[in-house]
Amino acid sequence: MNTILSIIFLLVALGLLWRPLVSGAAERLLAMPSWRPFVWLNLAVGISLILWSISVLDWFQQVEWVVLFVLGALGSLKGLSLWIFPDWSRSLAVKFIDNYWRFALPLSMLYLALALLLIRFG
């Protein structure tokens, strides 16, 4: 499990450094008239990850399940924030595109550190 999660986080870290890919996805997201499908997707994935991680016995003692729990909680919070504050979320997406490298480099480093953490403690 740690190896798979590490590879996923490494691919996300490298994908964030490819600006045309991320900017194109953000532009398509901003062009959507309603974010409701994206909200439901975030909530479904987030809640599923939370339920999956807490269904494992002693999940809080294993790094990979704690990471999945935190990602599920963050995904659920993102879905709720998109649902409750859609205009604010759109303005944040525009700021992300305008200041791409200011956001992408730290996020990429965070995902890389998370991948290395999972490899180290796996």
N, C-alpha and C. Protein backbone atom coordinates (compact mmCIF):
# COMPACT_ATOMS: atom_id res chain seq x y z
N MET A 1 0.82 -1.19 0.00
CA MET A 1 0.00 0.00 0.00
C MET A 1 0.87 1.26 0.00
N ASN A 2 1.94 1.25 0.81
CA ASN A 2 2.81 2.42 0.86
C ASN A 2 3.46 2.71 -0.49
N THR A 3 3.86 1.66 -1.19
CA THR A 3 4.50 1.84 -2.49
C THR A 3 3.54 2.44 -3.49
N ILE A 4 2.31 1.96 -3.51
CA ILE A 4 1.31 2.49 -4.44
C ILE A 4 1.01 3.95 -4.13
N LEU A 5 0.80 4.26 -2.85
CA LEU A 5 0.55 5.66 -2.47
C LEU A 5 1.75 6.55 -2.79
N SER A 6 2.95 6.04 -2.58
CA SER A 6 4.15 6.82 -2.89
C SER A 6 4.24 7.13 -4.38
N ILE A 7 3.95 6.13 -5.20
CA ILE A 7 3.98 6.36 -6.65
C ILE A 7 2.91 7.36 -7.06
N ILE A 8 1.72 7.26 -6.48
CA ILE A 8 0.65 8.22 -6.80
C ILE A 8 1.08 9.63 -6.42
N PHE A 9 1.62 9.81 -5.21
CA PHE A 9 2.03 11.14 -4.78
C PHE A 9 3.19 11.67 -5.61
N LEU A 10 4.10 10.80 -6.01
CA LEU A 10 5.20 11.22 -6.86
C LEU A 10 4.68 11.67 -8.23
N LEU A 11 3.72 10.94 -8.79
CA LEU A 11 3.14 11.35 -10.08
C LEU A 11 2.37 12.66 -9.96
N VAL A 12 1.68 12.87 -8.86
CA VAL A 12 0.98 14.15 -8.64
C VAL A 12 1.99 15.29 -8.52
N ALA A 13 3.08 15.04 -7.79
CA ALA A 13 4.12 16.07 -7.64
C ALA A 13 4.72 16.44 -8.99
N LEU A 14 4.99 15.45 -9.82
CA LEU A 14 5.54 15.73 -11.15
C LEU A 14 4.48 16.35 -12.06
N GLY A 15 3.24 15.92 -11.93
CA GLY A 15 2.16 16.49 -12.74
C GLY A 15 1.91 17.96 -12.43
N LEU A 16 2.10 18.35 -11.18
CA LEU A 16 1.93 19.76 -10.83
C LEU A 16 2.97 20.65 -11.50
N LEU A 17 4.11 20.08 -11.82
CA LEU A 17 5.15 20.87 -12.47
C LEU A 17 4.91 21.03 -13.97
N TRP A 18 3.92 20.35 -14.50
CA TRP A 18 3.55 20.47 -15.91
C TRP A 18 2.39 21.45 -16.02
N ARG A 19 2.70 22.72 -16.18
CA ARG A 19 1.70 23.79 -16.12
C ARG A 19 0.58 23.66 -17.14
N PRO A 20 0.84 23.30 -18.40
CA PRO A 20 -0.28 23.22 -19.35
C PRO A 20 -1.36 22.22 -18.93
N LEU A 21 -0.95 21.13 -18.31
CA LEU A 21 -1.91 20.13 -17.86
C LEU A 21 -2.80 20.69 -16.76
N VAL A 22 -2.19 21.29 -15.76
CA VAL A 22 -2.94 21.80 -14.61
C VAL A 22 -3.76 23.02 -14.99
N SER A 23 -3.19 23.91 -15.78
CA SER A 23 -3.93 25.10 -16.19
C SER A 23 -5.13 24.74 -17.07
N GLY A 24 -4.95 23.76 -17.95
CA GLY A 24 -6.06 23.31 -18.78
C GLY A 24 -7.18 22.72 -17.96
N ALA A 25 -6.83 21.91 -16.97
CA ALA A 25 -7.85 21.33 -16.09
C ALA A 25 -8.56 22.42 -15.29
N ALA A 26 -7.80 23.40 -14.82
CA ALA A 26 -8.41 24.50 -14.06
C ALA A 26 -9.30 25.35 -14.94
N GLU A 27 -8.89 25.59 -16.18
CA GLU A 27 -9.73 26.37 -17.11
C GLU A 27 -11.04 25.63 -17.39
N ARG A 28 -10.97 24.30 -17.58
CA ARG A 28 -12.20 23.54 -17.82
C ARG A 28 -13.10 23.57 -16.58
N LEU A 29 -12.48 23.51 -15.42
CA LEU A 29 -13.26 23.57 -14.19
C LEU A 29 -13.95 24.93 -14.05
N LEU A 30 -13.23 26.00 -14.37
CA LEU A 30 -13.82 27.33 -14.28
C LEU A 30 -14.90 27.55 -15.32
N ALA A 31 -14.83 26.84 -16.44
CA ALA A 31 -15.83 26.99 -17.50
C ALA A 31 -17.14 26.25 -17.18
N MET A 32 -17.10 25.38 -16.19
CA MET A 32 -18.32 24.64 -15.83
C MET A 32 -19.35 25.60 -15.25
N PRO A 33 -20.60 25.53 -15.70
CA PRO A 33 -21.62 26.43 -15.14
C PRO A 33 -21.94 26.13 -13.68
N SER A 34 -21.88 24.84 -13.33
CA SER A 34 -22.15 24.45 -11.96
C SER A 34 -21.08 23.46 -11.51
N TRP A 35 -20.63 23.59 -10.28
CA TRP A 35 -19.62 22.70 -9.73
C TRP A 35 -20.25 21.54 -8.97
N ARG A 36 -21.55 21.40 -9.07
CA ARG A 36 -22.24 20.37 -8.29
C ARG A 36 -21.68 18.96 -8.54
N PRO A 37 -21.43 18.53 -9.79
CA PRO A 37 -20.85 17.18 -9.96
C PRO A 37 -19.47 17.04 -9.31
N PHE A 38 -18.67 18.10 -9.40
CA PHE A 38 -17.34 18.09 -8.78
C PHE A 38 -17.46 18.04 -7.26
N VAL A 39 -18.45 18.74 -6.71
CA VAL A 39 -18.69 18.72 -5.26
C VAL A 39 -19.05 17.31 -4.81
N TRP A 40 -19.98 16.67 -5.52
CA TRP A 40 -20.40 15.32 -5.13
C TRP A 40 -19.26 14.32 -5.28
N LEU A 41 -18.44 14.50 -6.31
CA LEU A 41 -17.29 13.62 -6.49
C LEU A 41 -16.30 13.75 -5.32
N ASN A 42 -16.01 14.99 -4.93
CA ASN A 42 -15.11 15.22 -3.79
C ASN A 42 -15.68 14.63 -2.50
N LEU A 43 -16.95 14.85 -2.28
CA LEU A 43 -17.56 14.32 -1.06
C LEU A 43 -17.57 12.78 -1.07
N ALA A 44 -17.90 12.19 -2.20
CA ALA A 44 -17.96 10.72 -2.28
C ALA A 44 -16.58 10.10 -2.08
N VAL A 45 -15.57 10.65 -2.74
CA VAL A 45 -14.22 10.11 -2.59
C VAL A 45 -13.71 10.34 -1.17
N GLY A 46 -13.94 11.53 -0.64
CA GLY A 46 -13.48 11.84 0.72
C GLY A 46 -14.10 10.96 1.77
N ILE A 47 -15.40 10.80 1.71
CA ILE A 47 -16.09 9.96 2.69
C ILE A 47 -15.68 8.50 2.51
N SER A 48 -15.52 8.07 1.27
CA SER A 48 -15.08 6.68 1.02
C SER A 48 -13.70 6.42 1.60
N LEU A 49 -12.77 7.37 1.42
CA LEU A 49 -11.43 7.18 1.99
C LEU A 49 -11.45 7.16 3.51
N ILE A 50 -12.28 8.00 4.10
CA ILE A 50 -12.40 8.01 5.57
C ILE A 50 -12.94 6.67 6.06
N LEU A 51 -14.02 6.21 5.44
CA LEU A 51 -14.62 4.95 5.88
C LEU A 51 -13.68 3.77 5.64
N TRP A 52 -12.96 3.78 4.53
CA TRP A 52 -12.03 2.70 4.24
C TRP A 52 -10.90 2.66 5.26
N SER A 53 -10.37 3.84 5.60
CA SER A 53 -9.23 3.87 6.52
C SER A 53 -9.65 3.49 7.94
N ILE A 54 -10.80 3.92 8.39
CA ILE A 54 -11.19 3.59 9.77
C ILE A 54 -11.74 2.17 9.89
N SER A 55 -11.99 1.51 8.76
CA SER A 55 -12.46 0.12 8.82
C SER A 55 -11.32 -0.86 9.10
N VAL A 56 -10.08 -0.40 8.98
CA VAL A 56 -8.92 -1.25 9.22
C VAL A 56 -8.61 -1.23 10.72
N LEU A 57 -8.36 -2.41 11.25
CA LEU A 57 -8.04 -2.53 12.67
C LEU A 57 -6.73 -1.81 12.99
N ASP A 58 -6.70 -1.01 14.02
CA ASP A 58 -5.54 -0.22 14.44
C ASP A 58 -5.02 0.68 13.32
N TRP A 59 -5.92 1.31 12.57
CA TRP A 59 -5.54 2.14 11.44
C TRP A 59 -4.70 3.34 11.86
N PHE A 60 -4.91 3.85 13.04
CA PHE A 60 -4.21 5.05 13.50
C PHE A 60 -2.75 4.79 13.84
N GLN A 61 -2.32 3.53 13.80
CA GLN A 61 -0.93 3.19 14.08
C GLN A 61 -0.12 2.92 12.81
N GLN A 62 -0.77 3.03 11.67
CA GLN A 62 -0.09 2.77 10.41
C GLN A 62 -0.15 4.03 9.55
N VAL A 63 0.99 4.41 9.02
CA VAL A 63 1.11 5.69 8.31
C VAL A 63 0.18 5.77 7.11
N GLU A 64 0.10 4.70 6.32
CA GLU A 64 -0.68 4.77 5.09
C GLU A 64 -2.17 5.00 5.36
N TRP A 65 -2.69 4.43 6.43
CA TRP A 65 -4.11 4.63 6.74
C TRP A 65 -4.37 6.01 7.32
N VAL A 66 -3.42 6.53 8.07
CA VAL A 66 -3.55 7.90 8.57
C VAL A 66 -3.52 8.89 7.39
N VAL A 67 -2.64 8.64 6.42
CA VAL A 67 -2.56 9.51 5.24
C VAL A 67 -3.88 9.45 4.47
N LEU A 68 -4.42 8.26 4.27
CA LEU A 68 -5.71 8.14 3.56
C LEU A 68 -6.83 8.81 4.34
N PHE A 69 -6.81 8.71 5.66
CA PHE A 69 -7.83 9.38 6.46
C PHE A 69 -7.74 10.90 6.30
N VAL A 70 -6.53 11.43 6.37
CA VAL A 70 -6.34 12.88 6.24
C VAL A 70 -6.74 13.34 4.84
N LEU A 71 -6.36 12.59 3.81
CA LEU A 71 -6.75 12.94 2.44
C LEU A 71 -8.27 12.90 2.28
N GLY A 72 -8.91 11.92 2.89
CA GLY A 72 -10.37 11.85 2.85
C GLY A 72 -11.02 13.03 3.55
N ALA A 73 -10.47 13.41 4.69
CA ALA A 73 -11.02 14.56 5.42
C ALA A 73 -10.82 15.85 4.61
N LEU A 74 -9.63 16.00 4.00
CA LEU A 74 -9.39 17.19 3.19
C LEU A 74 -10.28 17.22 1.95
N GLY A 75 -10.48 16.06 1.32
CA GLY A 75 -11.37 15.99 0.17
C GLY A 75 -12.80 16.34 0.54
N SER A 76 -13.25 15.85 1.68
CA SER A 76 -14.61 16.18 2.14
C SER A 76 -14.74 17.66 2.45
N LEU A 77 -13.71 18.23 3.10
CA LEU A 77 -13.75 19.66 3.38
C LEU A 77 -13.72 20.49 2.10
N LYS A 78 -12.95 20.03 1.12
CA LYS A 78 -12.93 20.74 -0.17
C LYS A 78 -14.29 20.68 -0.84
N GLY A 79 -14.92 19.53 -0.82
CA GLY A 79 -16.25 19.41 -1.40
C GLY A 79 -17.25 20.32 -0.70
N LEU A 80 -17.19 20.35 0.63
CA LEU A 80 -18.10 21.23 1.38
C LEU A 80 -17.82 22.70 1.10
N SER A 81 -16.55 23.07 1.01
CA SER A 81 -16.25 24.49 0.73
C SER A 81 -16.67 24.88 -0.68
N LEU A 82 -16.54 23.96 -1.64
CA LEU A 82 -17.03 24.26 -3.00
C LEU A 82 -18.54 24.40 -3.03
N TRP A 83 -19.22 23.67 -2.18
CA TRP A 83 -20.67 23.70 -2.14
C TRP A 83 -21.17 24.96 -1.42
N ILE A 84 -20.54 25.30 -0.29
CA ILE A 84 -21.00 26.42 0.53
C ILE A 84 -20.51 27.76 -0.01
N PHE A 85 -19.27 27.81 -0.50
CA PHE A 85 -18.68 29.06 -0.97
C PHE A 85 -18.23 28.94 -2.43
N PRO A 86 -19.14 28.79 -3.39
CA PRO A 86 -18.70 28.57 -4.78
C PRO A 86 -17.99 29.78 -5.39
N ASP A 87 -18.44 30.98 -5.09
CA ASP A 87 -17.79 32.17 -5.66
C ASP A 87 -16.38 32.34 -5.12
N TRP A 88 -16.22 32.12 -3.84
CA TRP A 88 -14.90 32.22 -3.23
C TRP A 88 -13.97 31.17 -3.82
N SER A 89 -14.49 29.96 -4.03
CA SER A 89 -13.69 28.88 -4.61
C SER A 89 -13.27 29.21 -6.03
N ARG A 90 -14.16 29.82 -6.80
CA ARG A 90 -13.80 30.24 -8.17
C ARG A 90 -12.71 31.30 -8.15
N SER A 91 -12.82 32.24 -7.22
CA SER A 91 -11.79 33.29 -7.15
C SER A 91 -10.44 32.70 -6.73
N LEU A 92 -10.45 31.68 -5.85
CA LEU A 92 -9.20 31.01 -5.49
C LEU A 92 -8.60 30.27 -6.67
N ALA A 93 -9.44 29.67 -7.50
CA ALA A 93 -8.94 28.96 -8.68
C ALA A 93 -8.30 29.94 -9.66
N VAL A 94 -8.90 31.11 -9.81
CA VAL A 94 -8.33 32.13 -10.69
C VAL A 94 -6.99 32.62 -10.13
N LYS A 95 -6.91 32.83 -8.81
CA LYS A 95 -5.65 33.23 -8.20
C LYS A 95 -4.58 32.15 -8.37
N PHE A 96 -5.00 30.88 -8.29
CA PHE A 96 -4.06 29.78 -8.49
C PHE A 96 -3.48 29.83 -9.90
N ILE A 97 -4.31 30.06 -10.89
CA ILE A 97 -3.83 30.11 -12.27
C ILE A 97 -2.93 31.33 -12.47
N ASP A 98 -3.32 32.46 -11.92
CA ASP A 98 -2.53 33.69 -12.09
C ASP A 98 -1.16 33.59 -11.42
N ASN A 99 -1.09 32.97 -10.28
CA ASN A 99 0.17 32.83 -9.53
C ASN A 99 0.57 31.36 -9.48
N TYR A 100 0.63 30.74 -10.63
CA TYR A 100 0.78 29.28 -10.70
C TYR A 100 2.00 28.77 -9.96
N TRP A 101 3.16 29.30 -10.25
CA TRP A 101 4.38 28.74 -9.66
C TRP A 101 4.47 29.00 -8.17
N ARG A 102 3.84 30.05 -7.70
CA ARG A 102 3.83 30.33 -6.27
C ARG A 102 3.08 29.25 -5.48
N PHE A 103 2.08 28.66 -6.12
CA PHE A 103 1.31 27.61 -5.47
C PHE A 103 1.81 26.22 -5.85
N ALA A 104 2.20 26.04 -7.11
CA ALA A 104 2.53 24.71 -7.61
C ALA A 104 3.84 24.17 -7.02
N LEU A 105 4.84 24.99 -6.89
CA LEU A 105 6.11 24.50 -6.35
C LEU A 105 5.99 24.01 -4.91
N PRO A 106 5.39 24.78 -4.00
CA PRO A 106 5.24 24.24 -2.63
C PRO A 106 4.35 23.00 -2.57
N LEU A 107 3.27 22.98 -3.37
CA LEU A 107 2.42 21.79 -3.38
C LEU A 107 3.17 20.58 -3.92
N SER A 108 3.95 20.80 -4.96
CA SER A 108 4.74 19.71 -5.52
C SER A 108 5.75 19.19 -4.50
N MET A 109 6.39 20.07 -3.79
CA MET A 109 7.34 19.66 -2.76
C MET A 109 6.63 18.92 -1.62
N LEU A 110 5.43 19.35 -1.27
CA LEU A 110 4.65 18.68 -0.24
C LEU A 110 4.32 17.25 -0.66
N TYR A 111 3.88 17.07 -1.90
CA TYR A 111 3.56 15.73 -2.38
C TYR A 111 4.82 14.87 -2.48
N LEU A 112 5.92 15.46 -2.88
CA LEU A 112 7.18 14.72 -2.93
C LEU A 112 7.61 14.29 -1.53
N ALA A 113 7.49 15.19 -0.56
CA ALA A 113 7.84 14.85 0.82
C ALA A 113 6.92 13.76 1.36
N LEU A 114 5.64 13.82 1.00
CA LEU A 114 4.70 12.79 1.43
C LEU A 114 5.05 11.44 0.82
N ALA A 115 5.46 11.44 -0.45
CA ALA A 115 5.89 10.19 -1.10
C ALA A 115 7.12 9.62 -0.41
N LEU A 116 8.08 10.48 -0.10
CA LEU A 116 9.29 10.01 0.58
C LEU A 116 8.99 9.53 1.99
N LEU A 117 8.07 10.19 2.68
CA LEU A 117 7.66 9.78 4.02
C LEU A 117 7.05 8.38 3.97
N LEU A 118 6.21 8.15 2.99
CA LEU A 118 5.57 6.83 2.89
C LEU A 118 6.58 5.74 2.54
N ILE A 119 7.55 6.08 1.70
CA ILE A 119 8.60 5.10 1.36
C ILE A 119 9.44 4.80 2.61
N ARG A 120 9.79 5.84 3.34
CA ARG A 120 10.66 5.69 4.51
C ARG A 120 9.99 4.86 5.60
N PHE A 121 8.72 5.11 5.87
CA PHE A 121 8.04 4.41 6.96
C PHE A 121 7.24 3.22 6.48
N GLY A 122 7.43 2.81 5.24
CA GLY A 122 6.66 1.69 4.68
C GLY A 122 7.27 0.35 4.90
